[in-house]
mmCIF file of all heavy atoms, coordinates in Angstrom:
data_MODEL
# 
_entry.id   MODEL 
# 
loop_
_atom_site.group_PDB 
_atom_site.id 
_atom_site.type_symbol 
_atom_site.label_atom_id 
_atom_site.label_alt_id 
_atom_site.label_comp_id 
_atom_site.label_asym_id 
_atom_site.label_entity_id 
_atom_site.label_seq_id 
_atom_site.pdbx_PDB_ins_code 
_atom_site.Cartn_x 
_atom_site.Cartn_y 
_atom_site.Cartn_z 
_atom_site.occupancy 
_atom_site.B_iso_or_equiv 
_atom_site.pdbx_formal_charge 
_atom_site.auth_seq_id 
_atom_site.auth_comp_id 
_atom_site.auth_asym_id 
_atom_site.auth_atom_id 
_atom_site.pdbx_PDB_model_num 
ATOM 1   N N   . ASN A 1 1  ? -25.458 147.814 -16.393 1.00 0.00 ? 1  ASN A N   1 
ATOM 2   C CA  . ASN A 1 1  ? -26.182 148.945 -17.037 1.00 0.00 ? 1  ASN A CA  1 
ATOM 3   C C   . ASN A 1 1  ? -27.317 149.442 -16.328 1.00 0.00 ? 1  ASN A C   1 
ATOM 4   O O   . ASN A 1 1  ? -28.382 149.671 -16.731 1.00 0.00 ? 1  ASN A O   1 
ATOM 5   C CB  . ASN A 1 1  ? -26.610 148.445 -18.544 1.00 0.00 ? 1  ASN A CB  1 
ATOM 6   C CG  . ASN A 1 1  ? -26.971 149.719 -19.376 1.00 0.00 ? 1  ASN A CG  1 
ATOM 7   O OD1 . ASN A 1 1  ? -26.436 150.792 -19.187 1.00 0.00 ? 1  ASN A OD1 1 
ATOM 8   N ND2 . ASN A 1 1  ? -27.795 149.450 -20.357 1.00 0.00 ? 1  ASN A ND2 1 
ATOM 9   N N   . ASN A 1 2  ? -27.061 149.469 -14.925 1.00 0.00 ? 2  ASN A N   1 
ATOM 10  C CA  . ASN A 1 2  ? -27.988 149.936 -13.961 1.00 0.00 ? 2  ASN A CA  1 
ATOM 11  C C   . ASN A 1 2  ? -29.252 149.145 -13.894 1.00 0.00 ? 2  ASN A C   1 
ATOM 12  O O   . ASN A 1 2  ? -30.298 149.504 -13.437 1.00 0.00 ? 2  ASN A O   1 
ATOM 13  C CB  . ASN A 1 2  ? -28.400 151.333 -14.205 1.00 0.00 ? 2  ASN A CB  1 
ATOM 14  C CG  . ASN A 1 2  ? -27.164 152.275 -14.018 1.00 0.00 ? 2  ASN A CG  1 
ATOM 15  O OD1 . ASN A 1 2  ? -26.371 152.125 -13.040 1.00 0.00 ? 2  ASN A OD1 1 
ATOM 16  N ND2 . ASN A 1 2  ? -26.957 153.252 -14.893 1.00 0.00 ? 2  ASN A ND2 1 
ATOM 17  N N   . ALA A 1 3  ? -29.158 147.775 -14.189 1.00 0.00 ? 3  ALA A N   1 
ATOM 18  C CA  . ALA A 1 3  ? -30.291 146.905 -13.873 1.00 0.00 ? 3  ALA A CA  1 
ATOM 19  C C   . ALA A 1 3  ? -30.325 146.589 -12.429 1.00 0.00 ? 3  ALA A C   1 
ATOM 20  O O   . ALA A 1 3  ? -31.318 146.171 -11.851 1.00 0.00 ? 3  ALA A O   1 
ATOM 21  C CB  . ALA A 1 3  ? -30.054 145.620 -14.741 1.00 0.00 ? 3  ALA A CB  1 
ATOM 22  N N   . TYR A 1 4  ? -29.184 146.832 -11.726 1.00 0.00 ? 4  TYR A N   1 
ATOM 23  C CA  . TYR A 1 4  ? -29.139 146.617 -10.301 1.00 0.00 ? 4  TYR A CA  1 
ATOM 24  C C   . TYR A 1 4  ? -28.820 148.071 -9.717  1.00 0.00 ? 4  TYR A C   1 
ATOM 25  O O   . TYR A 1 4  ? -28.614 148.983 -10.392 1.00 0.00 ? 4  TYR A O   1 
ATOM 26  C CB  . TYR A 1 4  ? -27.989 145.690 -9.870  1.00 0.00 ? 4  TYR A CB  1 
ATOM 27  C CG  . TYR A 1 4  ? -28.009 144.379 -10.556 1.00 0.00 ? 4  TYR A CG  1 
ATOM 28  C CD1 . TYR A 1 4  ? -26.777 143.699 -10.840 1.00 0.00 ? 4  TYR A CD1 1 
ATOM 29  C CD2 . TYR A 1 4  ? -29.123 143.749 -10.912 1.00 0.00 ? 4  TYR A CD2 1 
ATOM 30  C CE1 . TYR A 1 4  ? -26.852 142.418 -11.505 1.00 0.00 ? 4  TYR A CE1 1 
ATOM 31  C CE2 . TYR A 1 4  ? -29.208 142.511 -11.460 1.00 0.00 ? 4  TYR A CE2 1 
ATOM 32  C CZ  . TYR A 1 4  ? -27.924 141.865 -11.798 1.00 0.00 ? 4  TYR A CZ  1 
ATOM 33  O OH  . TYR A 1 4  ? -27.918 140.630 -12.289 1.00 0.00 ? 4  TYR A OH  1 
ATOM 34  N N   . LYS A 1 5  ? -29.042 148.159 -8.345  1.00 0.00 ? 5  LYS A N   1 
ATOM 35  C CA  . LYS A 1 5  ? -28.804 149.368 -7.584  1.00 0.00 ? 5  LYS A CA  1 
ATOM 36  C C   . LYS A 1 5  ? -28.300 149.055 -6.283  1.00 0.00 ? 5  LYS A C   1 
ATOM 37  O O   . LYS A 1 5  ? -28.409 148.003 -5.762  1.00 0.00 ? 5  LYS A O   1 
ATOM 38  C CB  . LYS A 1 5  ? -30.018 150.250 -7.468  1.00 0.00 ? 5  LYS A CB  1 
ATOM 39  C CG  . LYS A 1 5  ? -31.170 149.612 -6.685  1.00 0.00 ? 5  LYS A CG  1 
ATOM 40  C CD  . LYS A 1 5  ? -32.334 150.401 -6.415  1.00 0.00 ? 5  LYS A CD  1 
ATOM 41  C CE  . LYS A 1 5  ? -33.395 149.813 -5.556  1.00 0.00 ? 5  LYS A CE  1 
ATOM 42  N NZ  . LYS A 1 5  ? -34.678 150.546 -5.407  1.00 0.00 ? 5  LYS A NZ  1 
ATOM 43  N N   . LEU A 1 6  ? -27.590 149.974 -5.631  1.00 0.00 ? 6  LEU A N   1 
ATOM 44  C CA  . LEU A 1 6  ? -27.147 149.999 -4.294  1.00 0.00 ? 6  LEU A CA  1 
ATOM 45  C C   . LEU A 1 6  ? -28.266 150.378 -3.352  1.00 0.00 ? 6  LEU A C   1 
ATOM 46  O O   . LEU A 1 6  ? -28.949 151.526 -3.709  1.00 0.00 ? 6  LEU A O   1 
ATOM 47  C CB  . LEU A 1 6  ? -25.973 150.839 -4.104  1.00 0.00 ? 6  LEU A CB  1 
ATOM 48  C CG  . LEU A 1 6  ? -24.531 150.210 -4.537  1.00 0.00 ? 6  LEU A CG  1 
ATOM 49  C CD1 . LEU A 1 6  ? -23.499 151.263 -4.028  1.00 0.00 ? 6  LEU A CD1 1 
ATOM 50  C CD2 . LEU A 1 6  ? -24.322 148.919 -4.081  1.00 0.00 ? 6  LEU A CD2 1 
ATOM 51  N N   . VAL A 1 7  ? -28.563 149.767 -2.319  1.00 0.00 ? 7  VAL A N   1 
ATOM 52  C CA  . VAL A 1 7  ? -29.504 150.172 -1.268  1.00 0.00 ? 7  VAL A CA  1 
ATOM 53  C C   . VAL A 1 7  ? -28.990 151.430 -0.588  1.00 0.00 ? 7  VAL A C   1 
ATOM 54  O O   . VAL A 1 7  ? -29.640 152.210 -0.158  1.00 0.00 ? 7  VAL A O   1 
ATOM 55  C CB  . VAL A 1 7  ? -29.816 149.074 -0.317  1.00 0.00 ? 7  VAL A CB  1 
ATOM 56  C CG1 . VAL A 1 7  ? -30.708 149.474 0.767   1.00 0.00 ? 7  VAL A CG1 1 
ATOM 57  C CG2 . VAL A 1 7  ? -30.471 147.829 -1.098  1.00 0.00 ? 7  VAL A CG2 1 
ATOM 58  N N   . ASP A 1 8  ? -27.706 151.499 -0.505  1.00 0.00 ? 8  ASP A N   1 
ATOM 59  C CA  . ASP A 1 8  ? -27.047 152.669 0.145   1.00 0.00 ? 8  ASP A CA  1 
ATOM 60  C C   . ASP A 1 8  ? -27.417 152.767 1.525   1.00 0.00 ? 8  ASP A C   1 
ATOM 61  O O   . ASP A 1 8  ? -27.901 153.694 2.212   1.00 0.00 ? 8  ASP A O   1 
ATOM 62  C CB  . ASP A 1 8  ? -27.310 153.986 -0.465  1.00 0.00 ? 8  ASP A CB  1 
ATOM 63  C CG  . ASP A 1 8  ? -26.483 155.212 -0.066  1.00 0.00 ? 8  ASP A CG  1 
ATOM 64  O OD1 . ASP A 1 8  ? -25.359 154.910 0.395   1.00 0.00 ? 8  ASP A OD1 1 
ATOM 65  O OD2 . ASP A 1 8  ? -26.832 156.250 -0.237  1.00 0.00 ? 8  ASP A OD2 1 
ATOM 66  N N   . ALA A 1 9  ? -27.186 151.513 2.307   1.00 0.00 ? 9  ALA A N   1 
ATOM 67  C CA  . ALA A 1 9  ? -27.399 151.359 3.735   1.00 0.00 ? 9  ALA A CA  1 
ATOM 68  C C   . ALA A 1 9  ? -26.162 150.635 4.353   1.00 0.00 ? 9  ALA A C   1 
ATOM 69  O O   . ALA A 1 9  ? -26.317 149.569 4.715   1.00 0.00 ? 9  ALA A O   1 
ATOM 70  C CB  . ALA A 1 9  ? -28.663 150.658 4.006   1.00 0.00 ? 9  ALA A CB  1 
ATOM 71  N N   . PRO A 1 10 ? -25.036 151.249 4.393   1.00 0.00 ? 10 PRO A N   1 
ATOM 72  C CA  . PRO A 1 10 ? -23.855 150.590 4.843   1.00 0.00 ? 10 PRO A CA  1 
ATOM 73  C C   . PRO A 1 10 ? -24.012 150.160 6.278   1.00 0.00 ? 10 PRO A C   1 
ATOM 74  O O   . PRO A 1 10 ? -24.611 150.861 7.091   1.00 0.00 ? 10 PRO A O   1 
ATOM 75  C CB  . PRO A 1 10 ? -22.763 151.690 4.654   1.00 0.00 ? 10 PRO A CB  1 
ATOM 76  C CG  . PRO A 1 10 ? -23.373 152.970 4.699   1.00 0.00 ? 10 PRO A CG  1 
ATOM 77  C CD  . PRO A 1 10 ? -24.848 152.722 3.966   1.00 0.00 ? 10 PRO A CD  1 
ATOM 78  N N   . PHE A 1 11 ? -23.392 148.988 6.586   1.00 0.00 ? 11 PHE A N   1 
ATOM 79  C CA  . PHE A 1 11 ? -23.451 148.470 7.886   1.00 0.00 ? 11 PHE A CA  1 
ATOM 80  C C   . PHE A 1 11 ? -22.131 147.889 8.482   1.00 0.00 ? 11 PHE A C   1 
ATOM 81  O O   . PHE A 1 11 ? -22.083 147.278 9.543   1.00 0.00 ? 11 PHE A O   1 
ATOM 82  C CB  . PHE A 1 11 ? -24.523 147.312 7.980   1.00 0.00 ? 11 PHE A CB  1 
ATOM 83  C CG  . PHE A 1 11 ? -24.513 146.160 7.010   1.00 0.00 ? 11 PHE A CG  1 
ATOM 84  C CD1 . PHE A 1 11 ? -23.721 145.096 7.432   1.00 0.00 ? 11 PHE A CD1 1 
ATOM 85  C CD2 . PHE A 1 11 ? -25.024 146.308 5.838   1.00 0.00 ? 11 PHE A CD2 1 
ATOM 86  C CE1 . PHE A 1 11 ? -23.732 143.965 6.568   1.00 0.00 ? 11 PHE A CE1 1 
ATOM 87  C CE2 . PHE A 1 11 ? -24.913 145.296 4.875   1.00 0.00 ? 11 PHE A CE2 1 
ATOM 88  C CZ  . PHE A 1 11 ? -24.237 144.071 5.339   1.00 0.00 ? 11 PHE A CZ  1 
ATOM 89  N N   . SER A 1 12 ? -21.030 148.210 7.739   1.00 0.00 ? 12 SER A N   1 
ATOM 90  C CA  . SER A 1 12 ? -19.754 147.887 8.397   1.00 0.00 ? 12 SER A CA  1 
ATOM 91  C C   . SER A 1 12 ? -18.628 148.569 7.608   1.00 0.00 ? 12 SER A C   1 
ATOM 92  O O   . SER A 1 12 ? -18.882 149.102 6.518   1.00 0.00 ? 12 SER A O   1 
ATOM 93  C CB  . SER A 1 12 ? -19.526 146.323 8.210   1.00 0.00 ? 12 SER A CB  1 
ATOM 94  O OG  . SER A 1 12 ? -19.058 145.995 7.017   1.00 0.00 ? 12 SER A OG  1 
ATOM 95  N N   . GLU A 1 13 ? -17.549 148.741 8.203   1.00 0.00 ? 13 GLU A N   1 
ATOM 96  C CA  . GLU A 1 13 ? -16.365 149.298 7.579   1.00 0.00 ? 13 GLU A CA  1 
ATOM 97  C C   . GLU A 1 13 ? -15.350 148.168 7.251   1.00 0.00 ? 13 GLU A C   1 
ATOM 98  O O   . GLU A 1 13 ? -15.223 147.290 8.052   1.00 0.00 ? 13 GLU A O   1 
ATOM 99  C CB  . GLU A 1 13 ? -15.623 150.378 8.491   1.00 0.00 ? 13 GLU A CB  1 
ATOM 100 C CG  . GLU A 1 13 ? -16.347 151.667 8.703   1.00 0.00 ? 13 GLU A CG  1 
ATOM 101 C CD  . GLU A 1 13 ? -15.568 152.666 9.512   1.00 0.00 ? 13 GLU A CD  1 
ATOM 102 O OE1 . GLU A 1 13 ? -14.534 152.239 10.006  1.00 0.00 ? 13 GLU A OE1 1 
ATOM 103 O OE2 . GLU A 1 13 ? -16.072 153.751 9.646   1.00 0.00 ? 13 GLU A OE2 1 
ATOM 104 N N   . GLU A 1 14 ? -14.749 148.267 6.058   1.00 0.00 ? 14 GLU A N   1 
ATOM 105 C CA  . GLU A 1 14 ? -13.888 147.256 5.499   1.00 0.00 ? 14 GLU A CA  1 
ATOM 106 C C   . GLU A 1 14 ? -12.534 147.817 5.094   1.00 0.00 ? 14 GLU A C   1 
ATOM 107 O O   . GLU A 1 14 ? -12.418 148.344 3.965   1.00 0.00 ? 14 GLU A O   1 
ATOM 108 C CB  . GLU A 1 14 ? -14.496 146.479 4.411   1.00 0.00 ? 14 GLU A CB  1 
ATOM 109 C CG  . GLU A 1 14 ? -15.924 145.956 4.692   1.00 0.00 ? 14 GLU A CG  1 
ATOM 110 C CD  . GLU A 1 14 ? -15.893 144.862 5.895   1.00 0.00 ? 14 GLU A CD  1 
ATOM 111 O OE1 . GLU A 1 14 ? -14.955 144.192 5.991   1.00 0.00 ? 14 GLU A OE1 1 
ATOM 112 O OE2 . GLU A 1 14 ? -16.889 144.825 6.496   1.00 0.00 ? 14 GLU A OE2 1 
ATOM 113 N N   . PRO A 1 15 ? -11.482 147.827 5.958   1.00 0.00 ? 15 PRO A N   1 
ATOM 114 C CA  . PRO A 1 15 ? -10.177 148.331 5.626   1.00 0.00 ? 15 PRO A CA  1 
ATOM 115 C C   . PRO A 1 15 ? -9.330  147.345 4.762   1.00 0.00 ? 15 PRO A C   1 
ATOM 116 O O   . PRO A 1 15 ? -9.123  146.191 5.225   1.00 0.00 ? 15 PRO A O   1 
ATOM 117 C CB  . PRO A 1 15 ? -9.566  148.637 6.940   1.00 0.00 ? 15 PRO A CB  1 
ATOM 118 C CG  . PRO A 1 15 ? -10.166 147.627 7.875   1.00 0.00 ? 15 PRO A CG  1 
ATOM 119 C CD  . PRO A 1 15 ? -11.560 147.382 7.362   1.00 0.00 ? 15 PRO A CD  1 
ATOM 120 N N   . TYR A 1 16 ? -9.081  147.693 3.549   1.00 0.00 ? 16 TYR A N   1 
ATOM 121 C CA  . TYR A 1 16 ? -8.295  146.887 2.598   1.00 0.00 ? 16 TYR A CA  1 
ATOM 122 C C   . TYR A 1 16 ? -6.842  146.991 2.964   1.00 0.00 ? 16 TYR A C   1 
ATOM 123 O O   . TYR A 1 16 ? -6.291  148.088 3.001   1.00 0.00 ? 16 TYR A O   1 
ATOM 124 C CB  . TYR A 1 16 ? -8.531  147.139 1.114   1.00 0.00 ? 16 TYR A CB  1 
ATOM 125 C CG  . TYR A 1 16 ? -9.906  146.964 0.682   1.00 0.00 ? 16 TYR A CG  1 
ATOM 126 C CD1 . TYR A 1 16 ? -10.328 147.518 -0.562  1.00 0.00 ? 16 TYR A CD1 1 
ATOM 127 C CD2 . TYR A 1 16 ? -10.889 146.212 1.432   1.00 0.00 ? 16 TYR A CD2 1 
ATOM 128 C CE1 . TYR A 1 16 ? -11.556 147.283 -1.057  1.00 0.00 ? 16 TYR A CE1 1 
ATOM 129 C CE2 . TYR A 1 16 ? -12.202 146.064 0.924   1.00 0.00 ? 16 TYR A CE2 1 
ATOM 130 C CZ  . TYR A 1 16 ? -12.475 146.551 -0.368  1.00 0.00 ? 16 TYR A CZ  1 
ATOM 131 O OH  . TYR A 1 16 ? -13.842 146.430 -0.873  1.00 0.00 ? 16 TYR A OH  1 
ATOM 132 N N   . GLY A 1 17 ? -6.124  145.818 3.073   1.00 0.00 ? 17 GLY A N   1 
ATOM 133 C CA  . GLY A 1 17 ? -4.672  145.731 3.335   1.00 0.00 ? 17 GLY A CA  1 
ATOM 134 C C   . GLY A 1 17 ? -4.019  144.954 2.298   1.00 0.00 ? 17 GLY A C   1 
ATOM 135 O O   . GLY A 1 17 ? -4.631  144.126 1.556   1.00 0.00 ? 17 GLY A O   1 
ATOM 136 N N   . ILE A 1 18 ? -2.636  145.057 2.340   1.00 0.00 ? 18 ILE A N   1 
ATOM 137 C CA  . ILE A 1 18 ? -1.795  144.192 1.549   1.00 0.00 ? 18 ILE A CA  1 
ATOM 138 C C   . ILE A 1 18 ? -1.324  143.009 2.431   1.00 0.00 ? 18 ILE A C   1 
ATOM 139 O O   . ILE A 1 18 ? -0.655  143.238 3.402   1.00 0.00 ? 18 ILE A O   1 
ATOM 140 C CB  . ILE A 1 18 ? -0.646  144.961 1.001   1.00 0.00 ? 18 ILE A CB  1 
ATOM 141 C CG1 . ILE A 1 18 ? -1.011  146.075 0.151   1.00 0.00 ? 18 ILE A CG1 1 
ATOM 142 C CG2 . ILE A 1 18 ? 0.367   143.994 0.171   1.00 0.00 ? 18 ILE A CG2 1 
ATOM 143 C CD1 . ILE A 1 18 ? 0.142   147.019 -0.343  1.00 0.00 ? 18 ILE A CD1 1 
ATOM 144 N N   . GLY A 1 19 ? -1.788  141.809 2.095   1.00 0.00 ? 19 GLY A N   1 
ATOM 145 C CA  . GLY A 1 19 ? -1.520  140.600 2.923   1.00 0.00 ? 19 GLY A CA  1 
ATOM 146 C C   . GLY A 1 19 ? -0.147  140.131 2.504   1.00 0.00 ? 19 GLY A C   1 
ATOM 147 O O   . GLY A 1 19 ? 0.290   140.028 1.369   1.00 0.00 ? 19 GLY A O   1 
ATOM 148 N N   . HIS A 1 20 ? 0.628   139.628 3.471   1.00 0.00 ? 20 HIS A N   1 
ATOM 149 C CA  . HIS A 1 20 ? 1.940   139.050 3.278   1.00 0.00 ? 20 HIS A CA  1 
ATOM 150 C C   . HIS A 1 20 ? 2.266   137.991 4.392   1.00 0.00 ? 20 HIS A C   1 
ATOM 151 O O   . HIS A 1 20 ? 1.522   137.995 5.343   1.00 0.00 ? 20 HIS A O   1 
ATOM 152 C CB  . HIS A 1 20 ? 3.053   140.073 3.131   1.00 0.00 ? 20 HIS A CB  1 
ATOM 153 C CG  . HIS A 1 20 ? 3.410   140.873 4.285   1.00 0.00 ? 20 HIS A CG  1 
ATOM 154 N ND1 . HIS A 1 20 ? 4.217   140.554 5.353   1.00 0.00 ? 20 HIS A ND1 1 
ATOM 155 C CD2 . HIS A 1 20 ? 2.754   142.019 4.766   1.00 0.00 ? 20 HIS A CD2 1 
ATOM 156 C CE1 . HIS A 1 20 ? 4.222   141.370 6.309   1.00 0.00 ? 20 HIS A CE1 1 
ATOM 157 N NE2 . HIS A 1 20 ? 3.389   142.350 5.960   1.00 0.00 ? 20 HIS A NE2 1 
ATOM 158 N N   . LYS A 1 21 ? 3.387   137.359 4.263   1.00 0.00 ? 21 LYS A N   1 
ATOM 159 C CA  . LYS A 1 21 ? 3.714   136.281 5.156   1.00 0.00 ? 21 LYS A CA  1 
ATOM 160 C C   . LYS A 1 21 ? 3.917   136.843 6.577   1.00 0.00 ? 21 LYS A C   1 
ATOM 161 O O   . LYS A 1 21 ? 4.605   137.811 6.705   1.00 0.00 ? 21 LYS A O   1 
ATOM 162 C CB  . LYS A 1 21 ? 5.046   135.522 4.627   1.00 0.00 ? 21 LYS A CB  1 
ATOM 163 C CG  . LYS A 1 21 ? 5.321   134.326 5.406   1.00 0.00 ? 21 LYS A CG  1 
ATOM 164 C CD  . LYS A 1 21 ? 6.166   133.233 4.659   1.00 0.00 ? 21 LYS A CD  1 
ATOM 165 C CE  . LYS A 1 21 ? 5.445   132.651 3.463   1.00 0.00 ? 21 LYS A CE  1 
ATOM 166 N NZ  . LYS A 1 21 ? 6.204   131.624 2.703   1.00 0.00 ? 21 LYS A NZ  1 
ATOM 167 N N   . LYS A 1 22 ? 3.427   136.080 7.494   1.00 0.00 ? 22 LYS A N   1 
ATOM 168 C CA  . LYS A 1 22 ? 3.414   136.614 8.943   1.00 0.00 ? 22 LYS A CA  1 
ATOM 169 C C   . LYS A 1 22 ? 4.835   136.601 9.546   1.00 0.00 ? 22 LYS A C   1 
ATOM 170 O O   . LYS A 1 22 ? 5.638   135.590 9.223   1.00 0.00 ? 22 LYS A O   1 
ATOM 171 C CB  . LYS A 1 22 ? 2.513   135.748 9.750   1.00 0.00 ? 22 LYS A CB  1 
ATOM 172 C CG  . LYS A 1 22 ? 2.310   136.213 11.254  1.00 0.00 ? 22 LYS A CG  1 
ATOM 173 C CD  . LYS A 1 22 ? 1.187   135.421 11.903  1.00 0.00 ? 22 LYS A CD  1 
ATOM 174 C CE  . LYS A 1 22 ? 1.046   136.008 13.250  1.00 0.00 ? 22 LYS A CE  1 
ATOM 175 N NZ  . LYS A 1 22 ? 0.668   137.372 13.327  1.00 0.00 ? 22 LYS A NZ  1 
ATOM 176 N N   . GLY A 1 23 ? 5.126   137.761 10.234  1.00 0.00 ? 23 GLY A N   1 
ATOM 177 C CA  . GLY A 1 23 ? 6.397   137.811 11.005  1.00 0.00 ? 23 GLY A CA  1 
ATOM 178 C C   . GLY A 1 23 ? 7.487   138.539 10.190  1.00 0.00 ? 23 GLY A C   1 
ATOM 179 O O   . GLY A 1 23 ? 8.535   138.751 10.690  1.00 0.00 ? 23 GLY A O   1 
ATOM 180 N N   . ASP A 1 24 ? 7.112   138.835 8.862   1.00 0.00 ? 24 ASP A N   1 
ATOM 181 C CA  . ASP A 1 24 ? 8.159   139.605 8.142   1.00 0.00 ? 24 ASP A CA  1 
ATOM 182 C C   . ASP A 1 24 ? 8.053   141.149 8.339   1.00 0.00 ? 24 ASP A C   1 
ATOM 183 O O   . ASP A 1 24 ? 7.371   141.909 7.648   1.00 0.00 ? 24 ASP A O   1 
ATOM 184 C CB  . ASP A 1 24 ? 7.970   139.299 6.640   1.00 0.00 ? 24 ASP A CB  1 
ATOM 185 C CG  . ASP A 1 24 ? 9.145   139.728 5.723   1.00 0.00 ? 24 ASP A CG  1 
ATOM 186 O OD1 . ASP A 1 24 ? 9.963   140.535 6.233   1.00 0.00 ? 24 ASP A OD1 1 
ATOM 187 O OD2 . ASP A 1 24 ? 9.325   139.147 4.631   1.00 0.00 ? 24 ASP A OD2 1 
ATOM 188 N N   . ASP A 1 25 ? 8.531   141.535 9.554   1.00 0.00 ? 25 ASP A N   1 
ATOM 189 C CA  . ASP A 1 25 ? 8.333   142.872 9.932   1.00 0.00 ? 25 ASP A CA  1 
ATOM 190 C C   . ASP A 1 25 ? 9.025   143.964 8.974   1.00 0.00 ? 25 ASP A C   1 
ATOM 191 O O   . ASP A 1 25 ? 8.456   144.990 8.757   1.00 0.00 ? 25 ASP A O   1 
ATOM 192 C CB  . ASP A 1 25 ? 8.867   143.170 11.276  1.00 0.00 ? 25 ASP A CB  1 
ATOM 193 C CG  . ASP A 1 25 ? 8.073   142.386 12.424  1.00 0.00 ? 25 ASP A CG  1 
ATOM 194 O OD1 . ASP A 1 25 ? 6.885   141.973 12.090  1.00 0.00 ? 25 ASP A OD1 1 
ATOM 195 O OD2 . ASP A 1 25 ? 8.557   142.275 13.516  1.00 0.00 ? 25 ASP A OD2 1 
ATOM 196 N N   . ALA A 1 26 ? 10.178  143.595 8.476   1.00 0.00 ? 26 ALA A N   1 
ATOM 197 C CA  . ALA A 1 26 ? 10.939  144.522 7.605   1.00 0.00 ? 26 ALA A CA  1 
ATOM 198 C C   . ALA A 1 26 ? 10.177  144.739 6.292   1.00 0.00 ? 26 ALA A C   1 
ATOM 199 O O   . ALA A 1 26 ? 9.985   145.832 5.866   1.00 0.00 ? 26 ALA A O   1 
ATOM 200 C CB  . ALA A 1 26 ? 12.299  143.971 7.325   1.00 0.00 ? 26 ALA A CB  1 
ATOM 201 N N   . PHE A 1 27 ? 9.508   143.674 5.811   1.00 0.00 ? 27 PHE A N   1 
ATOM 202 C CA  . PHE A 1 27 ? 8.724   143.849 4.482   1.00 0.00 ? 27 PHE A CA  1 
ATOM 203 C C   . PHE A 1 27 ? 7.414   144.646 4.779   1.00 0.00 ? 27 PHE A C   1 
ATOM 204 O O   . PHE A 1 27 ? 7.061   145.459 4.054   1.00 0.00 ? 27 PHE A O   1 
ATOM 205 C CB  . PHE A 1 27 ? 8.397   142.411 4.083   1.00 0.00 ? 27 PHE A CB  1 
ATOM 206 C CG  . PHE A 1 27 ? 7.781   142.364 2.627   1.00 0.00 ? 27 PHE A CG  1 
ATOM 207 C CD1 . PHE A 1 27 ? 8.237   143.274 1.659   1.00 0.00 ? 27 PHE A CD1 1 
ATOM 208 C CD2 . PHE A 1 27 ? 6.835   141.473 2.302   1.00 0.00 ? 27 PHE A CD2 1 
ATOM 209 C CE1 . PHE A 1 27 ? 7.688   143.218 0.308   1.00 0.00 ? 27 PHE A CE1 1 
ATOM 210 C CE2 . PHE A 1 27 ? 6.297   141.278 1.114   1.00 0.00 ? 27 PHE A CE2 1 
ATOM 211 C CZ  . PHE A 1 27 ? 6.713   142.261 0.088   1.00 0.00 ? 27 PHE A CZ  1 
ATOM 212 N N   . ARG A 1 28 ? 6.806   144.351 5.959   1.00 0.00 ? 28 ARG A N   1 
ATOM 213 C CA  . ARG A 1 28 ? 5.613   145.164 6.316   1.00 0.00 ? 28 ARG A CA  1 
ATOM 214 C C   . ARG A 1 28 ? 5.965   146.636 6.451   1.00 0.00 ? 28 ARG A C   1 
ATOM 215 O O   . ARG A 1 28 ? 5.184   147.538 5.992   1.00 0.00 ? 28 ARG A O   1 
ATOM 216 C CB  . ARG A 1 28 ? 4.959   144.675 7.591   1.00 0.00 ? 28 ARG A CB  1 
ATOM 217 C CG  . ARG A 1 28 ? 3.643   145.284 7.945   1.00 0.00 ? 28 ARG A CG  1 
ATOM 218 C CD  . ARG A 1 28 ? 2.916   144.713 9.013   1.00 0.00 ? 28 ARG A CD  1 
ATOM 219 N NE  . ARG A 1 28 ? 3.592   144.873 10.171  1.00 0.00 ? 28 ARG A NE  1 
ATOM 220 C CZ  . ARG A 1 28 ? 4.027   143.949 11.044  1.00 0.00 ? 28 ARG A CZ  1 
ATOM 221 N NH1 . ARG A 1 28 ? 3.930   142.766 10.629  1.00 0.00 ? 28 ARG A NH1 1 
ATOM 222 N NH2 . ARG A 1 28 ? 4.616   144.137 12.249  1.00 0.00 ? 28 ARG A NH2 1 
# 
């Protein structure tokens, strides 16, 4: 309820991905 706030000073980019078992190229 806005007791907190964002500083709004970003310092990295974070690309979200769908993780899955390594080596399953067809599934990826």
